[in-house]
N, C-alpha and C. Protein backbone atom coordinates (compact mmCIF):
# COMPACT_ATOMS: atom_id res chain seq x y z
N UNK A 1 88.81 92.92 114.53
CA UNK A 1 90.15 92.61 114.11
C UNK A 1 90.22 91.41 113.15
N UNK A 2 91.09 91.44 112.18
CA UNK A 2 91.19 90.27 111.27
C UNK A 2 91.47 89.06 112.11
N UNK A 3 90.85 87.99 111.73
CA UNK A 3 91.06 86.73 112.44
C UNK A 3 89.90 85.77 112.21
N UNK A 4 90.03 84.56 112.80
CA UNK A 4 88.95 83.57 112.72
C UNK A 4 87.94 83.84 113.87
N UNK A 5 86.65 83.74 113.48
CA UNK A 5 85.61 83.90 114.42
C UNK A 5 84.63 82.70 114.26
N UNK A 6 83.86 82.40 115.27
CA UNK A 6 82.88 81.42 115.26
C UNK A 6 81.54 82.08 115.62
N UNK A 7 80.49 81.76 114.90
CA UNK A 7 79.22 82.28 115.14
C UNK A 7 78.24 81.13 115.40
N UNK A 8 77.49 81.32 116.48
CA UNK A 8 76.54 80.30 116.93
C UNK A 8 75.23 81.07 117.33
N UNK A 9 74.10 80.63 116.87
CA UNK A 9 72.87 81.27 117.28
C UNK A 9 72.08 80.30 118.20
N UNK A 10 71.53 80.87 119.29
CA UNK A 10 70.77 80.15 120.23
C UNK A 10 69.37 80.71 120.29
N UNK A 11 68.37 79.93 119.92
CA UNK A 11 66.94 80.36 119.99
C UNK A 11 66.15 79.38 120.86
N UNK A 12 65.47 79.88 121.81
CA UNK A 12 64.65 79.03 122.76
C UNK A 12 65.55 77.94 123.40
N UNK A 13 66.76 78.25 123.67
CA UNK A 13 67.62 77.34 124.32
C UNK A 13 68.28 76.26 123.40
N UNK A 14 67.99 76.37 122.10
CA UNK A 14 68.53 75.36 121.11
C UNK A 14 69.66 76.00 120.31
N UNK A 15 70.87 75.57 120.55
CA UNK A 15 71.99 76.18 119.82
C UNK A 15 72.10 75.61 118.40
N UNK A 16 72.46 76.44 117.43
CA UNK A 16 72.74 75.97 116.12
C UNK A 16 74.21 75.50 116.05
N UNK A 17 74.54 74.85 115.00
CA UNK A 17 75.92 74.41 114.81
C UNK A 17 76.79 75.74 114.65
N UNK A 18 77.98 75.67 115.14
CA UNK A 18 78.85 76.92 114.95
C UNK A 18 79.34 77.00 113.52
N UNK A 19 79.46 78.18 113.06
CA UNK A 19 79.99 78.46 111.71
C UNK A 19 81.27 79.34 111.93
N UNK A 20 82.39 78.81 111.43
CA UNK A 20 83.64 79.52 111.50
C UNK A 20 83.86 80.35 110.28
N UNK A 21 84.33 81.59 110.46
CA UNK A 21 84.58 82.49 109.27
C UNK A 21 85.77 83.34 109.58
N UNK A 22 86.40 83.87 108.60
CA UNK A 22 87.53 84.74 108.73
C UNK A 22 87.12 86.11 108.32
N UNK A 23 87.26 87.07 109.18
CA UNK A 23 86.93 88.51 108.79
C UNK A 23 87.89 88.99 107.80
N UNK A 24 87.45 89.86 106.87
CA UNK A 24 88.40 90.40 105.90
C UNK A 24 89.43 91.26 106.49
N UNK A 25 90.55 91.33 105.84
CA UNK A 25 91.62 92.28 106.16
C UNK A 25 91.42 93.52 105.25
N UNK A 26 91.35 94.71 105.87
CA UNK A 26 91.05 95.91 105.11
C UNK A 26 92.38 96.66 104.78
N UNK A 27 92.36 97.18 103.54
CA UNK A 27 93.45 98.06 103.05
C UNK A 27 92.88 99.31 102.48
N UNK A 28 93.44 100.49 102.76
CA UNK A 28 93.05 101.71 102.22
C UNK A 28 94.31 102.47 101.85
N UNK A 29 94.64 102.65 100.56
CA UNK A 29 95.86 103.24 100.11
C UNK A 29 95.94 104.70 100.56
N UNK A 30 94.82 105.33 100.95
CA UNK A 30 94.79 106.78 101.34
C UNK A 30 94.80 106.92 102.88
N UNK A 31 94.93 105.83 103.60
CA UNK A 31 94.87 105.88 105.10
C UNK A 31 96.15 106.52 105.59
N UNK A 32 96.01 107.44 106.58
CA UNK A 32 97.18 108.14 107.16
C UNK A 32 98.03 107.17 107.97
N UNK A 33 99.33 107.26 107.78
CA UNK A 33 100.22 106.37 108.50
C UNK A 33 100.47 106.81 109.95
N UNK A 34 99.92 107.99 110.37
CA UNK A 34 100.15 108.45 111.71
C UNK A 34 99.17 107.79 112.68
N UNK A 35 98.18 107.01 112.24
CA UNK A 35 97.25 106.29 113.07
C UNK A 35 97.60 104.86 113.12
N UNK A 36 97.09 104.09 114.12
CA UNK A 36 97.36 102.62 114.12
C UNK A 36 96.77 101.97 112.89
N UNK A 37 97.50 101.01 112.36
CA UNK A 37 97.02 100.25 111.24
C UNK A 37 96.85 98.76 111.74
N UNK A 38 95.57 98.32 111.84
CA UNK A 38 95.27 96.98 112.39
C UNK A 38 94.54 96.08 111.34
N UNK A 39 94.34 96.59 110.17
CA UNK A 39 93.65 95.81 109.16
C UNK A 39 92.14 95.72 109.34
N UNK A 40 91.61 96.59 110.16
CA UNK A 40 90.16 96.62 110.32
C UNK A 40 89.57 97.70 109.43
N UNK A 41 88.24 97.69 109.35
CA UNK A 41 87.59 98.70 108.51
C UNK A 41 87.88 100.14 108.97
N UNK A 42 87.93 100.36 110.33
CA UNK A 42 88.23 101.65 110.81
C UNK A 42 89.71 102.01 110.97
N UNK A 43 90.54 101.02 110.97
CA UNK A 43 92.02 101.17 111.05
C UNK A 43 92.66 100.25 110.09
N UNK A 44 92.51 100.55 108.79
CA UNK A 44 93.00 99.61 107.76
C UNK A 44 94.50 99.74 107.55
N UNK A 45 95.14 98.73 106.90
CA UNK A 45 96.52 98.87 106.50
C UNK A 45 96.55 99.84 105.30
N UNK A 46 97.68 100.51 105.10
CA UNK A 46 97.80 101.43 104.00
C UNK A 46 98.51 100.85 102.76
N UNK A 47 98.96 99.61 102.87
CA UNK A 47 99.62 98.96 101.70
C UNK A 47 99.04 97.57 101.52
N UNK A 48 99.04 97.13 100.26
CA UNK A 48 98.63 95.75 99.95
C UNK A 48 99.56 94.76 100.55
N UNK A 49 100.86 95.07 100.60
CA UNK A 49 101.85 94.16 101.17
C UNK A 49 101.47 93.84 102.63
N UNK A 50 101.10 94.91 103.38
CA UNK A 50 100.65 94.64 104.76
C UNK A 50 99.45 93.75 104.84
N UNK A 51 98.54 93.99 103.95
CA UNK A 51 97.32 93.15 103.89
C UNK A 51 97.60 91.73 103.60
N UNK A 52 98.43 91.48 102.56
CA UNK A 52 98.70 90.13 102.17
C UNK A 52 99.52 89.35 103.25
N UNK A 53 100.33 90.10 104.06
CA UNK A 53 101.08 89.50 105.12
C UNK A 53 100.13 89.08 106.22
N UNK A 54 99.05 89.84 106.44
CA UNK A 54 98.14 89.59 107.56
C UNK A 54 97.01 88.65 107.29
N UNK A 55 96.67 88.54 106.00
CA UNK A 55 95.50 87.65 105.68
C UNK A 55 95.84 86.18 105.74
N UNK A 56 94.94 85.39 106.23
CA UNK A 56 95.18 83.92 106.23
C UNK A 56 95.03 83.35 104.83
N UNK A 57 95.69 82.31 104.57
CA UNK A 57 95.61 81.61 103.29
C UNK A 57 94.15 81.30 102.98
N UNK A 58 93.66 81.76 101.87
CA UNK A 58 92.24 81.52 101.52
C UNK A 58 91.32 82.61 102.07
N UNK A 59 91.87 83.57 102.78
CA UNK A 59 91.06 84.70 103.34
C UNK A 59 90.74 85.72 102.33
N UNK A 60 90.23 86.85 102.79
CA UNK A 60 89.79 87.94 101.88
C UNK A 60 90.43 89.24 102.31
N UNK A 61 90.89 89.97 101.31
CA UNK A 61 91.35 91.39 101.49
C UNK A 61 90.29 92.25 100.88
N UNK A 62 89.82 93.30 101.61
CA UNK A 62 88.85 94.23 101.12
C UNK A 62 89.71 95.55 100.90
N UNK A 63 89.75 96.01 99.70
CA UNK A 63 90.53 97.27 99.39
C UNK A 63 89.50 98.40 99.16
N UNK A 64 89.67 99.43 99.92
CA UNK A 64 88.84 100.65 99.66
C UNK A 64 89.27 101.32 98.32
N UNK A 65 88.37 101.96 97.70
CA UNK A 65 88.71 102.61 96.39
C UNK A 65 89.95 103.43 96.44
N UNK A 66 90.84 103.34 95.52
CA UNK A 66 92.06 104.12 95.49
C UNK A 66 93.06 103.54 94.56
N UNK A 67 94.27 104.08 94.62
CA UNK A 67 95.38 103.65 93.66
C UNK A 67 96.65 103.48 94.46
N UNK A 68 97.37 102.42 94.21
CA UNK A 68 98.66 102.20 94.70
C UNK A 68 99.65 101.97 93.57
N UNK A 69 100.68 102.77 93.36
CA UNK A 69 101.58 102.61 92.23
C UNK A 69 102.49 101.36 92.43
N UNK A 70 102.52 100.75 93.58
CA UNK A 70 103.39 99.67 93.88
C UNK A 70 102.89 98.35 93.37
N UNK A 71 103.56 97.69 92.42
CA UNK A 71 103.25 96.37 91.93
C UNK A 71 103.88 95.35 92.90
N UNK A 72 103.18 94.17 92.95
CA UNK A 72 103.74 93.15 93.85
C UNK A 72 103.28 91.74 93.35
N UNK A 73 104.05 90.72 93.77
CA UNK A 73 103.61 89.36 93.47
C UNK A 73 102.90 88.85 94.72
N UNK A 74 101.87 88.05 94.46
CA UNK A 74 101.12 87.41 95.60
C UNK A 74 101.29 85.89 95.48
N UNK A 75 101.71 85.21 96.50
CA UNK A 75 102.08 83.85 96.48
C UNK A 75 101.16 82.91 97.22
N UNK A 76 100.15 83.44 97.91
CA UNK A 76 99.23 82.58 98.56
C UNK A 76 97.82 82.78 98.16
N UNK A 77 96.95 81.79 98.25
CA UNK A 77 95.54 82.00 97.75
C UNK A 77 94.79 82.96 98.67
N UNK A 78 94.06 83.85 98.02
CA UNK A 78 93.21 84.83 98.74
C UNK A 78 92.23 85.40 97.77
N UNK A 79 91.18 86.04 98.30
CA UNK A 79 90.23 86.74 97.49
C UNK A 79 90.46 88.26 97.75
N UNK A 80 90.52 89.02 96.66
CA UNK A 80 90.71 90.43 96.85
C UNK A 80 89.49 91.15 96.23
N UNK A 81 88.86 91.99 97.05
CA UNK A 81 87.68 92.67 96.50
C UNK A 81 87.87 94.20 96.72
N UNK A 82 87.29 94.95 95.80
CA UNK A 82 87.33 96.44 95.85
C UNK A 82 85.96 96.87 96.47
N UNK A 83 86.04 97.77 97.37
CA UNK A 83 84.80 98.27 98.03
C UNK A 83 84.68 99.76 97.84
N UNK A 84 83.56 100.18 97.35
CA UNK A 84 83.28 101.58 97.18
C UNK A 84 83.87 102.18 95.89
N UNK A 85 84.21 101.42 94.94
CA UNK A 85 84.80 101.89 93.68
C UNK A 85 85.92 101.08 93.22
N UNK A 86 86.74 101.60 92.31
CA UNK A 86 87.83 100.85 91.67
C UNK A 86 89.06 101.00 92.55
N UNK A 87 89.76 99.90 92.72
CA UNK A 87 91.05 99.88 93.40
C UNK A 87 92.06 99.46 92.38
N UNK A 88 93.15 100.28 92.15
CA UNK A 88 94.18 99.93 91.22
C UNK A 88 95.52 99.66 91.90
N UNK A 89 96.13 98.59 91.47
CA UNK A 89 97.43 98.21 92.03
C UNK A 89 98.42 98.16 90.94
N UNK A 90 99.56 98.81 91.12
CA UNK A 90 100.53 98.92 90.06
C UNK A 90 100.33 100.15 89.29
N UNK A 91 101.02 100.32 88.21
CA UNK A 91 101.04 101.49 87.31
C UNK A 91 99.64 102.06 87.27
């Protein structure tokens, strides 16, 4: 699920320093709305608006290849990446 996670490795009883990271929020414009939309890779949001509402400031949205005709303004810092091809937002 999208959110903050901490990763720590323990080898031979010696723990490493924890590293905190935010998992990406997934968006797939072709995802069926009849299934749950949780922002995960297997249950992505179907609109960029849902993704931008769910992502933490400075987080990442991963958009699966596709097209959304809906243009929108984004007001908080985030990284948006396309996965598996080109993702088009707007016209």
